[in-house]
Amino acid sequence: MTRALIVIDVQESFRARPLWETVSDPKIAHRVNRLVRLARQAGDLVVWVLHSEPGSGDVFDPALGHVRLMEELERRDGEPLIHKTSHNAFTTTGLQRLLTEHGVRELTVCGLRTEQCVETTTRVASDFGYQVTFVIDATATNPIPHPDAPAGRSVAELLADPRTLGAEEIIRRTEYALAGRFATIATVDELETSARSRA
């Protein structure tokens, strides 16, 4: 086993936020499940990652009950489930040790949010020497307010602000930033087609 699929933060915490209505792909769990099936068919390790902020009192505080995989996800017993408290999946976890124990050198990454935890994990993994495939359409994100925008605005106010960076623009920027530097960019369809051609 030299490859692993890392599923990052596809968790109920995000659906518990009002901002979820603006997410680029509300059915991201279905695309992730397609990648999970591909990984299992290939005999690859599947690792599930959840973001946790104990004591924060928000949706990422485990005490509130939202820090769990989205219900649609098809995790099997025995597949590693790790909790992180940093943006990347390495710094505050035993992920690198786990991958080393399994002889993993190639990673496929997906999850929430495109430009935040998924991109950050990809950059760190690349620096650690892993060959990374970033599955762009199996990530999702939300619009980001301008740095000077006041805190606590409603979703409607966020979307009405012309300075807000749209989700599709964020995804496109991430693709440009990672491609050829930190990762190979792929789509779920492309990976499924490649798997069929090898079968």
C-alpha atoms as a PDB file:
ATOM      1  CA  MET A   1       0.000   0.000   0.000  1.00  0.00           C
ATOM      2  CA  THR A   2       1.734   3.162  -1.193  1.00  0.00           C
ATOM      3  CA  ARG A   3      -1.271   5.457  -1.575  1.00  0.00           C
ATOM      4  CA  ALA A   4      -3.843   6.972   0.743  1.00  0.00           C
ATOM      5  CA  LEU A   5      -7.010   9.013   0.352  1.00  0.00           C
ATOM      6  CA  ILE A   6      -7.228  11.780   2.947  1.00  0.00           C
ATOM      7  CA  VAL A   7     -10.801  13.045   3.518  1.00  0.00           C
ATOM      8  CA  ILE A   8     -10.517  16.388   5.285  1.00  0.00           C
ATOM      9  CA  ASP A   9     -13.225  17.965   7.465  1.00  0.00           C
ATOM     10  CA  VAL A  10     -16.317  16.752   5.607  1.00  0.00           C
ATOM     11  CA  GLN A  11     -18.210  17.161   8.838  1.00  0.00           C
ATOM     12  CA  GLU A  12     -21.542  18.288  10.213  1.00  0.00           C
ATOM     13  CA  SER A  13     -19.925  21.375  11.771  1.00  0.00           C
ATOM     14  CA  PHE A  14     -20.131  23.150   8.416  1.00  0.00           C
ATOM     15  CA  ARG A  15     -23.797  22.334   7.898  1.00  0.00           C
ATOM     16  CA  ALA A  16     -24.547  23.787  11.335  1.00  0.00           C
ATOM     17  CA  ARG A  17     -23.389  27.255  10.196  1.00  0.00           C
ATOM     18  CA  PRO A  18     -25.652  29.743   8.356  1.00  0.00           C
ATOM     19  CA  LEU A  19     -22.876  30.123   5.773  1.00  0.00           C
ATOM     20  CA  TRP A  20     -23.551  26.572   4.567  1.00  0.00           C
ATOM     21  CA  GLU A  21     -26.260  27.917   2.258  1.00  0.00           C
ATOM     22  CA  THR A  22     -23.502  29.564   0.214  1.00  0.00           C
ATOM     23  CA  VAL A  23     -21.284  26.464  -0.115  1.00  0.00           C
ATOM     24  CA  SER A  24     -20.014  25.721  -3.612  1.00  0.00           C
ATOM     25  CA  ASP A  25     -21.152  22.073  -3.522  1.00  0.00           C
ATOM     26  CA  PRO A  26     -23.749  21.108  -0.898  1.00  0.00           C
ATOM     27  CA  LYS A  27     -23.537  17.479  -2.070  1.00  0.00           C
ATOM     28  CA  ILE A  28     -19.768  17.192  -1.651  1.00  0.00           C
ATOM     29  CA  ALA A  29     -20.212  14.014   0.420  1.00  0.00           C
ATOM     30  CA  HIS A  30     -21.394  12.170  -2.705  1.00  0.00           C
ATOM     31  CA  ARG A  31     -18.253  13.064  -4.644  1.00  0.00           C
ATOM     32  CA  VAL A  32     -16.133  12.085  -1.661  1.00  0.00           C
ATOM     33  CA  ASN A  33     -17.895   8.711  -1.495  1.00  0.00           C
ATOM     34  CA  ARG A  34     -16.953   8.105  -5.140  1.00  0.00           C
ATOM     35  CA  LEU A  35     -13.301   8.691  -4.241  1.00  0.00           C
ATOM     36  CA  VAL A  36     -13.608   6.425  -1.212  1.00  0.00           C
ATOM     37  CA  ARG A  37     -14.923   3.601  -3.402  1.00  0.00           C
ATOM     38  CA  LEU A  38     -12.075   4.101  -5.870  1.00  0.00           C
ATOM     39  CA  ALA A  39      -9.508   4.026  -3.069  1.00  0.00           C
ATOM     40  CA  ARG A  40     -10.905   0.822  -1.611  1.00  0.00           C
ATOM     41  CA  GLN A  41     -11.018  -0.866  -5.016  1.00  0.00           C
ATOM     42  CA  ALA A  42      -7.325  -0.025  -5.438  1.00  0.00           C
ATOM     43  CA  GLY A  43      -6.447  -1.261  -1.948  1.00  0.00           C
ATOM     44  CA  ASP A  44      -5.475   2.238  -0.796  1.00  0.00           C
ATOM     45  CA  LEU A  45      -5.637   3.433   2.792  1.00  0.00           C
ATOM     46  CA  VAL A  46      -8.604   5.729   3.549  1.00  0.00           C
ATOM     47  CA  VAL A  47      -8.016   8.263   6.331  1.00  0.00           C
ATOM     48  CA  TRP A  48     -10.799  10.455   7.731  1.00  0.00           C
ATOM     49  CA  VAL A  49      -9.960  13.797   9.350  1.00  0.00           C
ATOM     50  CA  LEU A  50     -12.172  15.992  11.527  1.00  0.00           C
ATOM     51  CA  HIS A  51     -11.432  19.538  12.672  1.00  0.00           C
ATOM     52  CA  SER A  52     -11.946  20.170  16.370  1.00  0.00           C
ATOM     53  CA  GLU A  53     -11.688  23.286  18.540  1.00  0.00           C
ATOM     54  CA  PRO A  54     -12.354  22.117  22.113  1.00  0.00           C
ATOM     55  CA  GLY A  55     -13.701  24.805  24.407  1.00  0.00           C
ATOM     56  CA  SER A  56     -14.472  27.249  21.583  1.00  0.00           C
ATOM     57  CA  GLY A  57     -18.224  27.078  22.101  1.00  0.00           C
ATOM     58  CA  ASP A  58     -18.869  27.082  18.357  1.00  0.00           C
ATOM     59  CA  VAL A  59     -19.735  24.381  15.823  1.00  0.00           C
ATOM     60  CA  PHE A  60     -16.181  22.989  15.966  1.00  0.00           C
ATOM     61  CA  ASP A  61     -16.387  22.414  19.727  1.00  0.00           C
ATOM     62  CA  PRO A  62     -16.872  18.647  20.203  1.00  0.00           C
ATOM     63  CA  ALA A  63     -19.111  19.353  23.189  1.00  0.00           C
ATOM     64  CA  LEU A  64     -21.826  20.660  20.842  1.00  0.00           C
ATOM     65  CA  GLY A  65     -22.024  17.389  18.881  1.00  0.00           C
ATOM     66  CA  HIS A  66     -21.326  18.658  15.360  1.00  0.00           C
ATOM     67  CA  VAL A  67     -17.745  17.358  15.095  1.00  0.00           C
ATOM     68  CA  ARG A  68     -18.676  14.169  13.272  1.00  0.00           C
ATOM     69  CA  LEU A  69     -18.585  12.971   9.669  1.00  0.00           C
ATOM     70  CA  MET A  70     -21.474  14.013   7.446  1.00  0.00           C
ATOM     71  CA  GLU A  71     -24.156  11.340   7.637  1.00  0.00           C
ATOM     72  CA  GLU A  72     -23.905  10.419   3.948  1.00  0.00           C
ATOM     73  CA  LEU A  73     -20.251   9.432   4.138  1.00  0.00           C
ATOM     74  CA  GLU A  74     -19.424   5.742   3.810  1.00  0.00           C
ATOM     75  CA  ARG A  75     -16.736   5.167   6.426  1.00  0.00           C
ATOM     76  CA  ARG A  76     -15.958   1.576   7.310  1.00  0.00           C
ATOM     77  CA  ASP A  77     -15.002   0.306  10.732  1.00  0.00           C
ATOM     78  CA  GLY A  78     -11.247   0.128  11.069  1.00  0.00           C
ATOM     79  CA  GLU A  79     -10.511   3.060   8.765  1.00  0.00           C
ATOM     80  CA  PRO A  80      -8.467   5.653  10.697  1.00  0.00           C
ATOM     81  CA  LEU A  81     -10.371   8.676  12.019  1.00  0.00           C
ATOM     82  CA  ILE A  82      -8.179  11.452  13.353  1.00  0.00           C
ATOM     83  CA  HIS A  83      -8.957  14.799  14.957  1.00  0.00           C
ATOM     84  CA  LYS A  84      -6.881  17.884  14.234  1.00  0.00           C
ATOM     85  CA  THR A  85      -6.773  21.314  15.834  1.00  0.00           C
ATOM     86  CA  SER A  86      -4.633  23.000  13.155  1.00  0.00           C
ATOM     87  CA  HIS A  87      -5.481  23.916   9.579  1.00  0.00           C
ATOM     88  CA  ASN A  88      -3.355  21.111   8.132  1.00  0.00           C
ATOM     89  CA  ALA A  89      -3.888  17.456   8.957  1.00  0.00           C
ATOM     90  CA  PHE A  90      -0.278  16.826  10.022  1.00  0.00           C
ATOM     91  CA  THR A  91       0.832  19.296  12.699  1.00  0.00           C
ATOM     92  CA  THR A  92      -1.475  18.295  15.576  1.00  0.00           C
ATOM     93  CA  THR A  93      -2.032  14.630  14.672  1.00  0.00           C
ATOM     94  CA  GLY A  94      -0.163  11.373  14.155  1.00  0.00           C
ATOM     95  CA  LEU A  95      -0.995  11.366  10.446  1.00  0.00           C
ATOM     96  CA  GLN A  96       2.602  11.291   9.223  1.00  0.00           C
ATOM     97  CA  ARG A  97       3.437   8.366  11.508  1.00  0.00           C
ATOM     98  CA  LEU A  98       0.323   6.524  10.294  1.00  0.00           C
ATOM     99  CA  LEU A  99       1.279   7.049   6.647  1.00  0.00           C
ATOM    100  CA  THR A 100       4.856   5.967   7.299  1.00  0.00           C
ATOM    101  CA  GLU A 101       3.678   2.779   9.037  1.00  0.00           C
ATOM    102  CA  HIS A 102       1.629   1.919   5.932  1.00  0.00           C
ATOM    103  CA  GLY A 103       4.403   2.789   3.486  1.00  0.00           C
ATOM    104  CA  VAL A 104       2.343   5.556   1.904  1.00  0.00           C
ATOM    105  CA  ARG A 105       4.146   7.964  -0.448  1.00  0.00           C
ATOM    106  CA  GLU A 106       1.235   9.190  -2.589  1.00  0.00           C
ATOM    107  CA  LEU A 107      -1.807  11.079  -1.323  1.00  0.00           C
ATOM    108  CA  THR A 108      -5.157  11.955  -2.810  1.00  0.00           C
ATOM    109  CA  VAL A 109      -6.828  14.799  -0.919  1.00  0.00           C
ATOM    110  CA  CYS A 110     -10.385  16.138  -0.841  1.00  0.00           C
ATOM    111  CA  GLY A 111     -12.737  17.877   1.558  1.00  0.00           C
ATOM    112  CA  LEU A 112     -13.660  21.193   3.170  1.00  0.00           C
ATOM    113  CA  ARG A 113     -12.600  23.966   2.741  1.00  0.00           C
ATOM    114  CA  THR A 114     -10.811  24.117  -0.588  1.00  0.00           C
ATOM    115  CA  GLU A 115      -8.428  26.987   0.190  1.00  0.00           C
ATOM    116  CA  GLN A 116      -8.086  26.404   3.891  1.00  0.00           C
ATOM    117  CA  CYS A 117      -7.576  22.959   5.418  1.00  0.00           C
ATOM    118  CA  VAL A 118      -7.413  21.006   2.152  1.00  0.00           C
ATOM    119  CA  GLU A 119      -4.955  23.360   0.476  1.00  0.00           C
ATOM    120  CA  THR A 120      -2.863  23.737   3.637  1.00  0.00           C
ATOM    121  CA  THR A 121      -2.648  19.969   4.086  1.00  0.00           C
ATOM    122  CA  THR A 122      -1.608  19.653   0.447  1.00  0.00           C
ATOM    123  CA  ARG A 123       1.197  22.186   0.804  1.00  0.00           C
ATOM    124  CA  VAL A 124       2.539  20.565   3.978  1.00  0.00           C
ATOM    125  CA  ALA A 125       2.318  17.081   2.431  1.00  0.00           C
ATOM    126  CA  SER A 126       4.253  18.274  -0.615  1.00  0.00           C
ATOM    127  CA  ASP A 127       6.942  19.756   1.620  1.00  0.00           C
ATOM    128  CA  PHE A 128       7.166  16.397   3.407  1.00  0.00           C
ATOM    129  CA  GLY A 129       7.874  14.739   0.055  1.00  0.00           C
ATOM    130  CA  TYR A 130       4.507  13.153  -0.689  1.00  0.00           C
ATOM    131  CA  GLN A 131       3.215  13.061  -4.246  1.00  0.00           C
ATOM    132  CA  VAL A 132      -0.208  14.708  -3.943  1.00  0.00           C
ATOM    133  CA  THR A 133      -3.299  14.619  -6.136  1.00  0.00           C
ATOM    134  CA  PHE A 134      -5.745  17.414  -5.287  1.00  0.00           C
ATOM    135  CA  VAL A 135      -9.249  16.440  -6.413  1.00  0.00           C
ATOM    136  CA  ILE A 136     -10.577  19.887  -7.157  1.00  0.00           C
ATOM    137  CA  ASP A 137     -14.262  18.997  -7.592  1.00  0.00           C
ATOM    138  CA  ALA A 138     -14.271  16.915  -4.406  1.00  0.00           C
ATOM    139  CA  THR A 139     -13.531  20.048  -2.405  1.00  0.00           C
ATOM    140  CA  ALA A 140     -15.926  22.817  -1.501  1.00  0.00           C
ATOM    141  CA  THR A 141     -15.812  26.238   0.089  1.00  0.00           C
ATOM    142  CA  ASN A 142     -17.778  29.400   0.834  1.00  0.00           C
ATOM    143  CA  PRO A 143     -17.424  33.030  -0.212  1.00  0.00           C
ATOM    144  CA  ILE A 144     -14.876  34.941   1.867  1.00  0.00           C
ATOM    145  CA  PRO A 145     -15.522  38.496   3.097  1.00  0.00           C
ATOM    146  CA  HIS A 146     -13.070  41.293   2.373  1.00  0.00           C
ATOM    147  CA  PRO A 147     -10.510  41.687   5.204  1.00  0.00           C
ATOM    148  CA  ASP A 148     -11.936  45.141   6.014  1.00  0.00           C
ATOM    149  CA  ALA A 149     -15.546  43.954   6.172  1.00  0.00           C
ATOM    150  CA  PRO A 150     -17.175  44.208   9.615  1.00  0.00           C
ATOM    151  CA  ALA A 151     -17.554  40.994  11.601  1.00  0.00           C
ATOM    152  CA  GLY A 152     -20.906  39.422  12.318  1.00  0.00           C
ATOM    153  CA  ARG A 153     -22.624  40.273   9.050  1.00  0.00           C
ATOM    154  CA  SER A 154     -25.495  38.182   7.746  1.00  0.00           C
ATOM    155  CA  VAL A 155     -25.158  35.885   4.753  1.00  0.00           C
ATOM    156  CA  ALA A 156     -27.202  38.345   2.693  1.00  0.00           C
ATOM    157  CA  GLU A 157     -24.834  41.193   3.603  1.00  0.00           C
ATOM    158  CA  LEU A 158     -21.817  39.031   2.764  1.00  0.00           C
ATOM    159  CA  LEU A 159     -23.191  38.187  -0.660  1.00  0.00           C
ATOM    160  CA  ALA A 160     -24.253  41.763  -1.369  1.00  0.00           C
ATOM    161  CA  ASP A 161     -20.756  43.130  -0.776  1.00  0.00           C
ATOM    162  CA  PRO A 162     -18.960  43.465  -4.140  1.00  0.00           C
ATOM    163  CA  ARG A 163     -15.637  42.954  -2.358  1.00  0.00           C
ATOM    164  CA  THR A 164     -16.609  39.426  -1.244  1.00  0.00           C
ATOM    165  CA  LEU A 165     -14.504  36.756  -2.930  1.00  0.00           C
ATOM    166  CA  GLY A 166     -16.816  34.193  -4.502  1.00  0.00           C
ATOM    167  CA  ALA A 167     -16.449  30.463  -3.912  1.00  0.00           C
ATOM    168  CA  GLU A 168     -15.793  29.636  -7.572  1.00  0.00           C
ATOM    169  CA  GLU A 169     -13.051  32.250  -7.741  1.00  0.00           C
ATOM    170  CA  ILE A 170     -11.461  30.801  -4.597  1.00  0.00           C
ATOM    171  CA  ILE A 171     -11.497  27.307  -6.085  1.00  0.00           C
ATOM    172  CA  ARG A 172      -9.985  28.550  -9.336  1.00  0.00           C
ATOM    173  CA  ARG A 173      -7.261  30.429  -7.446  1.00  0.00           C
ATOM    174  CA  THR A 174      -6.439  27.333  -5.417  1.00  0.00           C
ATOM    175  CA  GLU A 175      -6.133  25.243  -8.557  1.00  0.00           C
ATOM    176  CA  TYR A 176      -3.739  27.786 -10.086  1.00  0.00           C
ATOM    177  CA  ALA A 177      -1.687  28.056  -6.890  1.00  0.00           C
ATOM    178  CA  LEU A 178      -1.240  24.306  -6.383  1.00  0.00           C
ATOM    179  CA  ALA A 179      -0.942  22.935  -9.924  1.00  0.00           C
ATOM    180  CA  GLY A 180       2.572  21.923 -10.850  1.00  0.00           C
ATOM    181  CA  ARG A 181       3.984  23.226  -7.576  1.00  0.00           C
ATOM    182  CA  PHE A 182       2.394  21.303  -4.737  1.00  0.00           C
ATOM    183  CA  ALA A 183       0.035  18.867  -6.439  1.00  0.00           C
ATOM    184  CA  THR A 184      -1.430  17.355  -9.548  1.00  0.00           C
ATOM    185  CA  ILE A 185      -4.976  18.633 -10.073  1.00  0.00           C
ATOM    186  CA  ALA A 186      -7.625  16.049 -10.981  1.00  0.00           C
ATOM    187  CA  THR A 187     -11.389  15.584 -11.032  1.00  0.00           C
ATOM    188  CA  VAL A 188     -13.409  12.655  -9.739  1.00  0.00           C
ATOM    189  CA  ASP A 189     -14.398  11.736 -13.308  1.00  0.00           C
ATOM    190  CA  GLU A 190     -10.772  11.710 -14.409  1.00  0.00           C
ATOM    191  CA  LEU A 191      -9.742   9.426 -11.577  1.00  0.00           C
ATOM    192  CA  GLU A 192     -12.645   7.064 -12.255  1.00  0.00           C
ATOM    193  CA  THR A 193     -11.739   6.947 -15.960  1.00  0.00           C
ATOM    194  CA  SER A 194      -8.111   6.230 -15.103  1.00  0.00           C
ATOM    195  CA  ALA A 195      -9.145   3.426 -12.744  1.00  0.00           C
ATOM    196  CA  ARG A 196     -11.326   1.820 -15.435  1.00  0.00           C
ATOM    197  CA  SER A 197      -8.486   1.937 -17.942  1.00  0.00           C
ATOM    198  CA  ARG A 198      -6.198   0.088 -15.506  1.00  0.00           C
ATOM    199  CA  ALA A 199      -8.817  -2.582 -14.723  1.00  0.00           C
END
